[in-house]
């Protein structure tokens, strides 16, 4: 009888101990998922930052003292100027190898011409968007034709772009400085709103074939034949790495949220949370991460398109400015907030 009582007591103690261990493990897991603290990468502001694939260097623009492009070494913390000084561009499109960039600059006629800006372009009207290429190895700045728009990098040395002339819309492929161009598609009935991304030989773009309609198209650059994929699509669009799924913005009651659709059947599904494409990136072929901001907190939300389920993997406190410029390298997510660069380790 005494033995049975001792056995029961030991069983109760063992059960309680196992329960306690489970609670501790679960609590740690929950804490790891929802209480992550981002690490600020550097003290200086970084405009249009791009992290190298090996996570050794960051390339960015800074205009606090000498306005120029810089390289920041993540190991040594060394900062090196990698360009000549110039006025602050309004947009930077980095080449895949980060050795060149396309610069979009709004022409400030009075300032540029008074202070002899390197962006002076004779005959350019005030506030006209101008396009330039910059080679960080040769330090050479060159203007592009103003009829060039919606630029994407095709590879390290070539660009693909929309060229509009005399009511004709073309998609051209050229060297990064605009030379040796060739037309790969004539789209006389489609006005291009946005070149979105390349996936091998497929180009994805948004265009309007008629009044008030914006569709998503897929173009095989070998066939010169665009195929409509999603009708009446929203403004921002991201294509999955395998080129099979699109996530895009939808607006309802003055609120912007995310929806997605496989390109093979155009069946649109809602993510269930408000966010924008500038706060979103694909994690892999089937999952995308978005960072909506509300009440001074930014949540990192992962949506799985295979299960249609969403999961909050972290809550970032004190990011009232929200986060942008998301770049995922391995399991490290880099992002900017108020022009400062941060990183956080995630497990999708």
C-alpha atoms as a PDB file:
ATOM      1  CA  UNK A   1       0.000   0.000   0.000  1.00  0.00           C
ATOM      2  CA  UNK A   2       2.819   2.381   0.966  1.00  0.00           C
ATOM      3  CA  UNK A   3       4.635   1.463  -2.258  1.00  0.00           C
ATOM      4  CA  UNK A   4       1.554   2.350  -4.341  1.00  0.00           C
ATOM      5  CA  UNK A   5       1.281   5.750  -2.620  1.00  0.00           C
ATOM      6  CA  UNK A   6       4.943   6.496  -3.332  1.00  0.00           C
ATOM      7  CA  UNK A   7       4.490   5.417  -6.951  1.00  0.00           C
ATOM      8  CA  UNK A   8       1.482   7.721  -7.355  1.00  0.00           C
ATOM      9  CA  UNK A   9       3.422  10.629  -5.817  1.00  0.00           C
ATOM     10  CA  UNK A  10       6.357  10.006  -8.158  1.00  0.00           C
ATOM     11  CA  UNK A  11       4.013   9.856 -11.137  1.00  0.00           C
ATOM     12  CA  UNK A  12       2.394  13.178 -10.122  1.00  0.00           C
ATOM     13  CA  UNK A  13       5.827  14.810  -9.659  1.00  0.00           C
ATOM     14  CA  UNK A  14       6.984  13.496 -13.042  1.00  0.00           C
ATOM     15  CA  UNK A  15       3.836  14.793 -14.762  1.00  0.00           C
ATOM     16  CA  UNK A  16       4.231  18.218 -13.125  1.00  0.00           C
ATOM     17  CA  UNK A  17       7.901  18.332 -14.091  1.00  0.00           C
ATOM     18  CA  UNK A  18       7.148  17.445 -17.707  1.00  0.00           C
ATOM     19  CA  UNK A  19       4.375  20.059 -17.792  1.00  0.00           C
ATOM     20  CA  UNK A  20       6.751  22.680 -16.402  1.00  0.00           C
ATOM     21  CA  UNK A  21       9.370  21.835 -19.029  1.00  0.00           C
ATOM     22  CA  UNK A  22       6.776  22.078 -21.817  1.00  0.00           C
ATOM     23  CA  UNK A  23       5.594  25.462 -20.527  1.00  0.00           C
ATOM     24  CA  UNK A  24       9.175  26.802 -20.373  1.00  0.00           C
ATOM     25  CA  UNK A  25       9.970  25.573 -23.898  1.00  0.00           C
ATOM     26  CA  UNK A  26       6.736  27.012 -25.287  1.00  0.00           C
ATOM     27  CA  UNK A  27       7.308  30.327 -23.503  1.00  0.00           C
ATOM     28  CA  UNK A  28      10.824  30.597 -24.900  1.00  0.00           C
ATOM     29  CA  UNK A  29       9.542  29.767 -28.368  1.00  0.00           C
ATOM     30  CA  UNK A  30       6.827  32.395 -28.130  1.00  0.00           C
ATOM     31  CA  UNK A  31       9.325  34.929 -26.814  1.00  0.00           C
ATOM     32  CA  UNK A  32      11.695  34.148 -29.658  1.00  0.00           C
ATOM     33  CA  UNK A  33       8.865  34.590 -32.147  1.00  0.00           C
ATOM     34  CA  UNK A  34       7.359  37.822 -30.846  1.00  0.00           C
ATOM     35  CA  UNK A  35      10.006  39.690 -28.849  1.00  0.00           C
ATOM     36  CA  UNK A  36      12.891  39.964 -31.269  1.00  0.00           C
ATOM     37  CA  UNK A  37      14.835  43.208 -31.169  1.00  0.00           C
ATOM     38  CA  UNK A  38      16.298  44.506 -34.437  1.00  0.00           C
ATOM     39  CA  UNK A  39      19.941  45.542 -34.428  1.00  0.00           C
ATOM     40  CA  UNK A  40      20.875  48.917 -35.894  1.00  0.00           C
ATOM     41  CA  UNK A  41      23.607  48.239 -38.440  1.00  0.00           C
ATOM     42  CA  UNK A  42      25.364  51.620 -38.412  1.00  0.00           C
ATOM     43  CA  UNK A  43      25.051  55.070 -36.877  1.00  0.00           C
ATOM     44  CA  UNK A  44      24.841  57.015 -40.145  1.00  0.00           C
ATOM     45  CA  UNK A  45      21.798  57.303 -42.346  1.00  0.00           C
ATOM     46  CA  UNK A  46      21.727  55.068 -45.416  1.00  0.00           C
ATOM     47  CA  UNK A  47      19.658  56.055 -48.445  1.00  0.00           C
ATOM     48  CA  UNK A  48      18.859  53.260 -50.943  1.00  0.00           C
ATOM     49  CA  UNK A  49      21.053  50.732 -49.112  1.00  0.00           C
ATOM     50  CA  UNK A  50      21.904  47.432 -50.736  1.00  0.00           C
ATOM     51  CA  UNK A  51      23.580  44.586 -48.879  1.00  0.00           C
ATOM     52  CA  UNK A  52      26.011  42.407 -50.821  1.00  0.00           C
ATOM     53  CA  UNK A  53      25.043  38.747 -51.176  1.00  0.00           C
ATOM     54  CA  UNK A  54      27.923  37.660 -48.922  1.00  0.00           C
ATOM     55  CA  UNK A  55      26.755  40.120 -46.202  1.00  0.00           C
ATOM     56  CA  UNK A  56      30.213  41.716 -46.083  1.00  0.00           C
ATOM     57  CA  UNK A  57      29.414  45.180 -47.442  1.00  0.00           C
ATOM     58  CA  UNK A  58      26.578  47.666 -47.685  1.00  0.00           C
ATOM     59  CA  UNK A  59      26.407  50.197 -50.506  1.00  0.00           C
ATOM     60  CA  UNK A  60      24.346  53.334 -49.927  1.00  0.00           C
ATOM     61  CA  UNK A  61      24.026  57.090 -50.454  1.00  0.00           C
ATOM     62  CA  UNK A  62      24.547  59.603 -47.658  1.00  0.00           C
ATOM     63  CA  UNK A  63      24.113  63.374 -47.863  1.00  0.00           C
ATOM     64  CA  UNK A  64      24.889  64.469 -44.291  1.00  0.00           C
ATOM     65  CA  UNK A  65      28.320  65.927 -45.176  1.00  0.00           C
ATOM     66  CA  UNK A  66      29.728  65.023 -48.579  1.00  0.00           C
ATOM     67  CA  UNK A  67      26.785  63.808 -50.679  1.00  0.00           C
ATOM     68  CA  UNK A  68      28.036  60.624 -52.323  1.00  0.00           C
ATOM     69  CA  UNK A  69      27.809  56.843 -52.414  1.00  0.00           C
ATOM     70  CA  UNK A  70      29.637  54.880 -49.739  1.00  0.00           C
ATOM     71  CA  UNK A  71      30.656  51.326 -48.890  1.00  0.00           C
ATOM     72  CA  UNK A  72      30.271  50.120 -45.297  1.00  0.00           C
ATOM     73  CA  UNK A  73      32.147  46.987 -44.238  1.00  0.00           C
ATOM     74  CA  UNK A  74      30.024  44.987 -41.810  1.00  0.00           C
ATOM     75  CA  UNK A  75      33.062  43.282 -40.234  1.00  0.00           C
ATOM     76  CA  UNK A  76      35.515  46.160 -39.817  1.00  0.00           C
ATOM     77  CA  UNK A  77      32.947  49.014 -39.723  1.00  0.00           C
ATOM     78  CA  UNK A  78      35.150  50.816 -42.241  1.00  0.00           C
ATOM     79  CA  UNK A  79      33.444  53.429 -44.420  1.00  0.00           C
ATOM     80  CA  UNK A  80      34.782  54.211 -47.894  1.00  0.00           C
ATOM     81  CA  UNK A  81      33.487  56.743 -50.429  1.00  0.00           C
ATOM     82  CA  UNK A  82      32.948  54.919 -53.731  1.00  0.00           C
ATOM     83  CA  UNK A  83      31.705  57.742 -55.971  1.00  0.00           C
ATOM     84  CA  UNK A  84      32.352  61.372 -56.757  1.00  0.00           C
ATOM     85  CA  UNK A  85      30.217  63.910 -54.878  1.00  0.00           C
ATOM     86  CA  UNK A  86      26.844  64.631 -56.440  1.00  0.00           C
ATOM     87  CA  UNK A  87      23.368  65.934 -55.693  1.00  0.00           C
ATOM     88  CA  UNK A  88      21.041  63.506 -53.951  1.00  0.00           C
ATOM     89  CA  UNK A  89      19.252  61.307 -56.513  1.00  0.00           C
ATOM     90  CA  UNK A  90      15.526  60.677 -56.154  1.00  0.00           C
ATOM     91  CA  UNK A  91      15.801  56.965 -56.890  1.00  0.00           C
ATOM     92  CA  UNK A  92      18.618  54.429 -57.212  1.00  0.00           C
ATOM     93  CA  UNK A  93      18.365  51.146 -59.143  1.00  0.00           C
ATOM     94  CA  UNK A  94      21.370  48.948 -58.334  1.00  0.00           C
ATOM     95  CA  UNK A  95      22.889  46.486 -60.781  1.00  0.00           C
ATOM     96  CA  UNK A  96      22.913  42.858 -59.531  1.00  0.00           C
ATOM     97  CA  UNK A  97      26.685  42.966 -58.825  1.00  0.00           C
ATOM     98  CA  UNK A  98      26.394  46.443 -57.184  1.00  0.00           C
ATOM     99  CA  UNK A  99      29.114  47.828 -59.473  1.00  0.00           C
ATOM    100  CA  UNK A 100      26.764  50.152 -61.348  1.00  0.00           C
ATOM    101  CA  UNK A 101      23.519  52.017 -60.728  1.00  0.00           C
ATOM    102  CA  UNK A 102      20.753  53.801 -62.576  1.00  0.00           C
ATOM    103  CA  UNK A 103      20.016  57.185 -60.979  1.00  0.00           C
ATOM    104  CA  UNK A 104      16.665  58.929 -61.345  1.00  0.00           C
ATOM    105  CA  UNK A 105      17.040  62.664 -60.698  1.00  0.00           C
ATOM    106  CA  UNK A 106      14.323  65.335 -60.723  1.00  0.00           C
ATOM    107  CA  UNK A 107      15.911  68.272 -62.551  1.00  0.00           C
ATOM    108  CA  UNK A 108      16.168  71.316 -60.280  1.00  0.00           C
ATOM    109  CA  UNK A 109      17.077  73.839 -62.956  1.00  0.00           C
ATOM    110  CA  UNK A 110      17.900  76.771 -60.653  1.00  0.00           C
ATOM    111  CA  UNK A 111      20.011  74.826 -58.136  1.00  0.00           C
ATOM    112  CA  UNK A 112      21.766  72.565 -60.635  1.00  0.00           C
ATOM    113  CA  UNK A 113      22.782  75.332 -63.003  1.00  0.00           C
ATOM    114  CA  UNK A 114      23.707  77.828 -60.282  1.00  0.00           C
ATOM    115  CA  UNK A 115      25.997  75.411 -58.438  1.00  0.00           C
ATOM    116  CA  UNK A 116      27.297  73.531 -61.493  1.00  0.00           C
ATOM    117  CA  UNK A 117      25.756  70.177 -60.604  1.00  0.00           C
ATOM    118  CA  UNK A 118      27.085  67.057 -62.366  1.00  0.00           C
ATOM    119  CA  UNK A 119      23.439  66.466 -63.337  1.00  0.00           C
ATOM    120  CA  UNK A 120      23.274  69.535 -65.599  1.00  0.00           C
ATOM    121  CA  UNK A 121      21.604  68.554 -68.852  1.00  0.00           C
ATOM    122  CA  UNK A 122      21.264  71.283 -71.465  1.00  0.00           C
ATOM    123  CA  UNK A 123      17.713  72.046 -72.584  1.00  0.00           C
ATOM    124  CA  UNK A 124      16.064  70.141 -69.731  1.00  0.00           C
ATOM    125  CA  UNK A 125      12.913  71.734 -68.292  1.00  0.00           C
ATOM    126  CA  UNK A 126      12.645  72.336 -64.560  1.00  0.00           C
ATOM    127  CA  UNK A 127      11.335  69.371 -62.499  1.00  0.00           C
ATOM    128  CA  UNK A 128      11.757  66.912 -65.374  1.00  0.00           C
ATOM    129  CA  UNK A 129      12.741  63.373 -64.288  1.00  0.00           C
ATOM    130  CA  UNK A 130      16.180  62.626 -65.777  1.00  0.00           C
ATOM    131  CA  UNK A 131      17.974  59.271 -65.916  1.00  0.00           C
ATOM    132  CA  UNK A 132      21.676  58.612 -65.496  1.00  0.00           C
ATOM    133  CA  UNK A 133      24.046  55.666 -65.239  1.00  0.00           C
ATOM    134  CA  UNK A 134      26.953  55.572 -62.808  1.00  0.00           C
ATOM    135  CA  UNK A 135      29.891  53.157 -62.949  1.00  0.00           C
ATOM    136  CA  UNK A 136      31.509  52.803 -59.512  1.00  0.00           C
ATOM    137  CA  UNK A 137      34.707  51.344 -60.975  1.00  0.00           C
ATOM    138  CA  UNK A 138      35.346  54.112 -63.535  1.00  0.00           C
ATOM    139  CA  UNK A 139      33.510  56.856 -61.569  1.00  0.00           C
ATOM    140  CA  UNK A 140      31.787  57.763 -64.842  1.00  0.00           C
ATOM    141  CA  UNK A 141      28.357  59.460 -64.865  1.00  0.00           C
ATOM    142  CA  UNK A 142      26.417  59.336 -68.144  1.00  0.00           C
ATOM    143  CA  UNK A 143      22.932  60.597 -69.113  1.00  0.00           C
ATOM    144  CA  UNK A 144      20.289  58.329 -70.595  1.00  0.00           C
ATOM    145  CA  UNK A 145      17.669  59.264 -73.166  1.00  0.00           C
ATOM    146  CA  UNK A 146      14.650  60.865 -71.442  1.00  0.00           C
ATOM    147  CA  UNK A 147      12.303  58.624 -73.427  1.00  0.00           C
ATOM    148  CA  UNK A 148      13.670  55.697 -71.422  1.00  0.00           C
ATOM    149  CA  UNK A 149      11.516  54.764 -68.415  1.00  0.00           C
ATOM    150  CA  UNK A 150      10.607  51.819 -66.175  1.00  0.00           C
ATOM    151  CA  UNK A 151      14.168  50.490 -66.079  1.00  0.00           C
ATOM    152  CA  UNK A 152      15.153  47.001 -64.872  1.00  0.00           C
ATOM    153  CA  UNK A 153      18.564  45.351 -64.866  1.00  0.00           C
ATOM    154  CA  UNK A 154      18.675  42.400 -67.263  1.00  0.00           C
ATOM    155  CA  UNK A 155      22.106  41.306 -65.993  1.00  0.00           C
ATOM    156  CA  UNK A 156      25.211  43.008 -64.576  1.00  0.00           C
ATOM    157  CA  UNK A 157      25.820  45.067 -67.728  1.00  0.00           C
ATOM    158  CA  UNK A 158      22.493  45.368 -69.577  1.00  0.00           C
ATOM    159  CA  UNK A 159      19.166  47.041 -68.874  1.00  0.00           C
ATOM    160  CA  UNK A 160      15.651  46.409 -70.100  1.00  0.00           C
ATOM    161  CA  UNK A 161      13.283  49.359 -70.300  1.00  0.00           C
ATOM    162  CA  UNK A 162      10.168  50.967 -71.714  1.00  0.00           C
ATOM    163  CA  UNK A 163      10.784  53.332 -74.648  1.00  0.00           C
ATOM    164  CA  UNK A 164       7.926  55.611 -75.667  1.00  0.00           C
ATOM    165  CA  UNK A 165       8.116  57.589 -78.885  1.00  0.00           C
ATOM    166  CA  UNK A 166       5.462  58.914 -81.269  1.00  0.00           C
ATOM    167  CA  UNK A 167       2.601  57.021 -79.574  1.00  0.00           C
ATOM    168  CA  UNK A 168       4.549  53.766 -79.836  1.00  0.00           C
ATOM    169  CA  UNK A 169       5.447  51.740 -76.750  1.00  0.00           C
ATOM    170  CA  UNK A 170       8.481  49.496 -77.032  1.00  0.00           C
ATOM    171  CA  UNK A 171      10.412  47.281 -74.663  1.00  0.00           C
ATOM    172  CA  UNK A 172      14.109  47.531 -75.426  1.00  0.00           C
ATOM    173  CA  UNK A 173      17.236  45.723 -74.260  1.00  0.00           C
ATOM    174  CA  UNK A 174      20.515  47.677 -74.242  1.00  0.00           C
ATOM    175  CA  UNK A 175      23.898  48.116 -72.608  1.00  0.00           C
ATOM    176  CA  UNK A 176      23.610  49.897 -69.272  1.00  0.00           C
ATOM    177  CA  UNK A 177      24.586  53.209 -70.930  1.00  0.00           C
ATOM    178  CA  UNK A 178      21.826  52.876 -73.556  1.00  0.00           C
ATOM    179  CA  UNK A 179      24.091  51.773 -76.422  1.00  0.00           C
ATOM    180  CA  UNK A 180      23.588  48.719 -78.659  1.00  0.00           C
ATOM    181  CA  UNK A 181      19.858  48.736 -78.015  1.00  0.00           C
ATOM    182  CA  UNK A 182      17.419  46.335 -79.628  1.00  0.00           C
ATOM    183  CA  UNK A 183      13.633  46.207 -79.503  1.00  0.00           C
ATOM    184  CA  UNK A 184      12.340  42.959 -78.040  1.00  0.00           C
ATOM    185  CA  UNK A 185       8.635  43.841 -78.055  1.00  0.00           C
ATOM    186  CA  UNK A 186       6.298  46.375 -79.701  1.00  0.00           C
ATOM    187  CA  UNK A 187       3.226  47.049 -77.556  1.00  0.00           C
ATOM    188  CA  UNK A 188       1.211  49.425 -79.690  1.00  0.00           C
ATOM    189  CA  UNK A 189      -2.053  48.732 -77.844  1.00  0.00           C
ATOM    190  CA  UNK A 190      -0.697  48.598 -74.278  1.00  0.00           C
ATOM    191  CA  UNK A 191       0.606  51.556 -72.287  1.00  0.00           C
ATOM    192  CA  UNK A 192       3.176  50.305 -69.767  1.00  0.00           C
ATOM    193  CA  UNK A 193       2.723  51.477 -66.178  1.00  0.00           C
ATOM    194  CA  UNK A 194       5.436  49.402 -64.530  1.00  0.00           C
ATOM    195  CA  UNK A 195       8.136  46.911 -65.450  1.00  0.00           C
ATOM    196  CA  UNK A 196       8.057  44.645 -62.418  1.00  0.00           C
ATOM    197  CA  UNK A 197      10.736  41.971 -62.659  1.00  0.00           C
ATOM    198  CA  UNK A 198      12.581  39.481 -64.838  1.00  0.00           C
ATOM    199  CA  UNK A 199      12.504  35.718 -64.330  1.00  0.00           C
ATOM    200  CA  UNK A 200      14.941  34.087 -66.740  1.00  0.00           C
ATOM    201  CA  UNK A 201      13.497  35.000 -70.182  1.00  0.00           C
ATOM    202  CA  UNK A 202      10.147  36.149 -68.826  1.00  0.00           C
ATOM    203  CA  UNK A 203       9.364  39.806 -68.174  1.00  0.00           C
ATOM    204  CA  UNK A 204       6.455  40.772 -65.934  1.00  0.00           C
ATOM    205  CA  UNK A 205       4.873  44.184 -66.374  1.00  0.00           C
ATOM    206  CA  UNK A 206       1.691  46.091 -65.608  1.00  0.00           C
ATOM    207  CA  UNK A 207      -0.021  47.950 -68.403  1.00  0.00           C
ATOM    208  CA  UNK A 208      -3.286  49.545 -69.467  1.00  0.00           C
ATOM    209  CA  UNK A 209      -4.858  48.401 -72.740  1.00  0.00           C
ATOM    210  CA  UNK A 210      -7.871  50.643 -72.178  1.00  0.00           C
ATOM    211  CA  UNK A 211      -9.272  53.388 -69.983  1.00  0.00           C
ATOM    212  CA  UNK A 212      -9.059  52.682 -66.264  1.00  0.00           C
ATOM    213  CA  UNK A 213      -7.880  49.072 -66.581  1.00  0.00           C
ATOM    214  CA  UNK A 214      -4.493  47.954 -65.296  1.00  0.00           C
ATOM    215  CA  UNK A 215      -3.522  44.373 -66.042  1.00  0.00           C
ATOM    216  CA  UNK A 216      -0.553  42.159 -65.233  1.00  0.00           C
ATOM    217  CA  UNK A 217       1.233  40.679 -68.249  1.00  0.00           C
ATOM    218  CA  UNK A 218       3.909  38.068 -68.788  1.00  0.00           C
ATOM    219  CA  UNK A 219       6.176  38.520 -71.796  1.00  0.00           C
ATOM    220  CA  UNK A 220       8.526  35.867 -73.149  1.00  0.00           C
ATOM    221  CA  UNK A 221      11.238  38.057 -74.631  1.00  0.00           C
ATOM    222  CA  UNK A 222      12.008  35.385 -77.226  1.00  0.00           C
ATOM    223  CA  UNK A 223       8.505  35.437 -78.684  1.00  0.00           C
ATOM    224  CA  UNK A 224       7.475  39.140 -78.532  1.00  0.00           C
ATOM    225  CA  UNK A 225       4.036  38.062 -77.320  1.00  0.00           C
ATOM    226  CA  UNK A 226       2.631  39.365 -73.990  1.00  0.00           C
ATOM    227  CA  UNK A 227       0.075  37.217 -72.175  1.00  0.00           C
ATOM    228  CA  UNK A 228      -2.487  38.749 -69.813  1.00  0.00           C
ATOM    229  CA  UNK A 229      -2.251  37.090 -66.389  1.00  0.00           C
ATOM    230  CA  UNK A 230      -4.327  39.127 -63.921  1.00  0.00           C
ATOM    231  CA  UNK A 231      -6.987  41.632 -64.919  1.00  0.00           C
ATOM    232  CA  UNK A 232      -7.496  44.961 -63.113  1.00  0.00           C
ATOM    233  CA  UNK A 233      -4.523  44.522 -60.779  1.00  0.00           C
ATOM    234  CA  UNK A 234      -3.553  46.934 -57.995  1.00  0.00           C
ATOM    235  CA  UNK A 235      -0.668  49.398 -57.929  1.00  0.00           C
ATOM    236  CA  UNK A 236       2.294  47.653 -56.267  1.00  0.00           C
ATOM    237  CA  UNK A 237       3.196  44.152 -57.492  1.00  0.00           C
ATOM    238  CA  UNK A 238       5.830  41.559 -56.499  1.00  0.00           C
ATOM    239  CA  UNK A 239       6.395  38.333 -58.412  1.00  0.00           C
ATOM    240  CA  UNK A 240       7.544  35.204 -56.539  1.00  0.00           C
ATOM    241  CA  UNK A 241      11.095  33.909 -57.206  1.00  0.00           C
ATOM    242  CA  UNK A 242       9.761  31.058 -59.372  1.00  0.00           C
ATOM    243  CA  UNK A 243       7.598  33.421 -61.427  1.00  0.00           C
ATOM    244  CA  UNK A 244       4.363  31.584 -60.612  1.00  0.00           C
ATOM    245  CA  UNK A 245       2.625  33.843 -58.056  1.00  0.00           C
ATOM    246  CA  UNK A 246       1.965  37.564 -57.647  1.00  0.00           C
ATOM    247  CA  UNK A 247       1.299  39.552 -54.486  1.00  0.00           C
ATOM    248  CA  UNK A 248      -0.149  43.021 -54.996  1.00  0.00           C
ATOM    249  CA  UNK A 249      -1.879  45.949 -53.321  1.00  0.00           C
ATOM    250  CA  UNK A 250      -5.648  46.317 -53.182  1.00  0.00           C
ATOM    251  CA  UNK A 251      -7.542  49.312 -51.842  1.00  0.00           C
ATOM    252  CA  UNK A 252     -10.867  49.290 -50.053  1.00  0.00           C
ATOM    253  CA  UNK A 253     -12.402  52.014 -47.877  1.00  0.00           C
ATOM    254  CA  UNK A 254      -9.179  54.062 -48.169  1.00  0.00           C
ATOM    255  CA  UNK A 255      -7.188  51.159 -46.688  1.00  0.00           C
ATOM    256  CA  UNK A 256      -4.373  49.404 -48.561  1.00  0.00           C
ATOM    257  CA  UNK A 257      -4.023  45.664 -48.034  1.00  0.00           C
ATOM    258  CA  UNK A 258      -2.324  42.784 -49.811  1.00  0.00           C
ATOM    259  CA  UNK A 259      -3.840  40.164 -52.067  1.00  0.00           C
ATOM    260  CA  UNK A 260      -2.193  37.391 -54.058  1.00  0.00           C
ATOM    261  CA  UNK A 261      -2.915  35.131 -56.981  1.00  0.00           C
ATOM    262  CA  UNK A 262      -1.310  32.222 -58.830  1.00  0.00           C
ATOM    263  CA  UNK A 263      -0.591  33.346 -62.383  1.00  0.00           C
ATOM    264  CA  UNK A 264      -1.963  30.182 -63.954  1.00  0.00           C
ATOM    265  CA  UNK A 265      -5.593  30.748 -62.932  1.00  0.00           C
ATOM    266  CA  UNK A 266      -5.857  34.364 -61.657  1.00  0.00           C
ATOM    267  CA  UNK A 267      -7.750  33.269 -58.540  1.00  0.00           C
ATOM    268  CA  UNK A 268      -7.330  36.243 -56.191  1.00  0.00           C
ATOM    269  CA  UNK A 269      -7.087  35.700 -52.420  1.00  0.00           C
ATOM    270  CA  UNK A 270      -6.802  38.288 -49.650  1.00  0.00           C
ATOM    271  CA  UNK A 271      -4.020  38.191 -47.062  1.00  0.00           C
ATOM    272  CA  UNK A 272      -6.248  39.537 -44.308  1.00  0.00           C
ATOM    273  CA  UNK A 273      -3.997  42.384 -43.171  1.00  0.00           C
ATOM    274  CA  UNK A 274      -3.204  45.932 -44.246  1.00  0.00           C
ATOM    275  CA  UNK A 275       0.212  46.650 -45.755  1.00  0.00           C
ATOM    276  CA  UNK A 276       1.974  47.886 -48.900  1.00  0.00           C
ATOM    277  CA  UNK A 277       4.403  46.392 -51.396  1.00  0.00           C
ATOM    278  CA  UNK A 278       7.229  48.673 -50.176  1.00  0.00           C
ATOM    279  CA  UNK A 279       6.888  46.852 -46.845  1.00  0.00           C
ATOM    280  CA  UNK A 280       6.867  43.382 -48.413  1.00  0.00           C
ATOM    281  CA  UNK A 281       9.315  40.801 -49.754  1.00  0.00           C
ATOM    282  CA  UNK A 282       9.147  37.172 -50.858  1.00  0.00           C
ATOM    283  CA  UNK A 283      10.846  34.717 -48.471  1.00  0.00           C
ATOM    284  CA  UNK A 284      10.746  31.761 -50.856  1.00  0.00           C
ATOM    285  CA  UNK A 285       8.556  30.390 -53.674  1.00  0.00           C
ATOM    286  CA  UNK A 286       5.396  30.226 -51.549  1.00  0.00           C
ATOM    287  CA  UNK A 287       5.772  32.582 -48.572  1.00  0.00           C
ATOM    288  CA  UNK A 288       5.951  36.357 -48.437  1.00  0.00           C
ATOM    289  CA  UNK A 289       6.751  38.591 -45.478  1.00  0.00           C
ATOM    290  CA  UNK A 290       5.168  41.971 -44.873  1.00  0.00           C
ATOM    291  CA  UNK A 291       5.693  44.578 -42.157  1.00  0.00           C
ATOM    292  CA  UNK A 292       2.505  46.585 -41.479  1.00  0.00           C
ATOM    293  CA  UNK A 293       2.812  49.417 -38.966  1.00  0.00           C
ATOM    294  CA  UNK A 294       0.135  50.408 -36.465  1.00  0.00           C
ATOM    295  CA  UNK A 295       0.205  52.202 -33.107  1.00  0.00           C
ATOM    296  CA  UNK A 296       4.011  52.600 -33.036  1.00  0.00           C
ATOM    297  CA  UNK A 297       4.511  48.850 -33.563  1.00  0.00           C
ATOM    298  CA  UNK A 298       5.601  47.043 -36.706  1.00  0.00           C
ATOM    299  CA  UNK A 299       4.572  43.402 -36.996  1.00  0.00           C
ATOM    300  CA  UNK A 300       6.450  40.965 -39.197  1.00  0.00           C
ATOM    301  CA  UNK A 301       3.761  38.849 -40.826  1.00  0.00           C
ATOM    302  CA  UNK A 302       4.446  35.753 -42.938  1.00  0.00           C
ATOM    303  CA  UNK A 303       1.757  34.581 -45.342  1.00  0.00           C
ATOM    304  CA  UNK A 304       1.901  31.053 -46.744  1.00  0.00           C
ATOM    305  CA  UNK A 305       0.189  30.837 -50.144  1.00  0.00           C
ATOM    306  CA  UNK A 306       0.085  27.031 -50.022  1.00  0.00           C
ATOM    307  CA  UNK A 307      -1.976  26.934 -46.804  1.00  0.00           C
ATOM    308  CA  UNK A 308      -3.550  30.432 -46.946  1.00  0.00           C
ATOM    309  CA  UNK A 309      -2.413  30.976 -43.357  1.00  0.00           C
ATOM    310  CA  UNK A 310      -0.727  34.013 -41.840  1.00  0.00           C
ATOM    311  CA  UNK A 311       1.690  33.968 -38.909  1.00  0.00           C
ATOM    312  CA  UNK A 312       3.142  36.835 -36.871  1.00  0.00           C
ATOM    313  CA  UNK A 313       6.819  36.047 -36.294  1.00  0.00           C
ATOM    314  CA  UNK A 314       7.850  39.250 -34.506  1.00  0.00           C
ATOM    315  CA  UNK A 315       6.571  42.529 -33.096  1.00  0.00           C
ATOM    316  CA  UNK A 316       9.013  45.423 -33.426  1.00  0.00           C
ATOM    317  CA  UNK A 317       8.397  48.162 -30.872  1.00  0.00           C
ATOM    318  CA  UNK A 318       9.182  51.872 -31.358  1.00  0.00           C
ATOM    319  CA  UNK A 319       9.176  51.909 -35.158  1.00  0.00           C
ATOM    320  CA  UNK A 320       6.639  54.677 -35.626  1.00  0.00           C
ATOM    321  CA  UNK A 321       8.065  55.505 -39.075  1.00  0.00           C
ATOM    322  CA  UNK A 322       7.383  51.973 -40.273  1.00  0.00           C
ATOM    323  CA  UNK A 323       9.926  49.929 -42.231  1.00  0.00           C
ATOM    324  CA  UNK A 324      10.894  49.860 -45.908  1.00  0.00           C
ATOM    325  CA  UNK A 325      13.530  48.531 -48.314  1.00  0.00           C
ATOM    326  CA  UNK A 326      13.214  44.945 -47.088  1.00  0.00           C
ATOM    327  CA  UNK A 327      16.059  42.696 -48.225  1.00  0.00           C
ATOM    328  CA  UNK A 328      16.323  39.071 -47.146  1.00  0.00           C
ATOM    329  CA  UNK A 329      19.726  37.343 -47.277  1.00  0.00           C
ATOM    330  CA  UNK A 330      19.696  33.789 -45.956  1.00  0.00           C
ATOM    331  CA  UNK A 331      17.759  34.189 -42.665  1.00  0.00           C
ATOM    332  CA  UNK A 332      18.726  37.807 -42.026  1.00  0.00           C
ATOM    333  CA  UNK A 333      16.178  40.483 -42.851  1.00  0.00           C
ATOM    334  CA  UNK A 334      17.580  43.958 -43.515  1.00  0.00           C
ATOM    335  CA  UNK A 335      15.265  46.972 -43.567  1.00  0.00           C
ATOM    336  CA  UNK A 336      15.301  50.742 -43.161  1.00  0.00           C
ATOM    337  CA  UNK A 337      13.323  52.930 -40.807  1.00  0.00           C
ATOM    338  CA  UNK A 338      13.685  56.708 -40.895  1.00  0.00           C
ATOM    339  CA  UNK A 339      16.643  56.102 -43.273  1.00  0.00           C
ATOM    340  CA  UNK A 340      18.608  54.018 -40.726  1.00  0.00           C
ATOM    341  CA  UNK A 341      19.441  50.408 -41.571  1.00  0.00           C
ATOM    342  CA  UNK A 342      18.518  47.540 -39.232  1.00  0.00           C
ATOM    343  CA  UNK A 343      18.774  43.767 -39.338  1.00  0.00           C
ATOM    344  CA  UNK A 344      16.972  40.950 -37.590  1.00  0.00           C
ATOM    345  CA  UNK A 345      17.335  37.179 -37.694  1.00  0.00           C
ATOM    346  CA  UNK A 346      14.135  35.426 -38.737  1.00  0.00           C
ATOM    347  CA  UNK A 347      13.004  31.862 -39.264  1.00  0.00           C
ATOM    348  CA  UNK A 348      10.213  31.811 -41.875  1.00  0.00           C
END
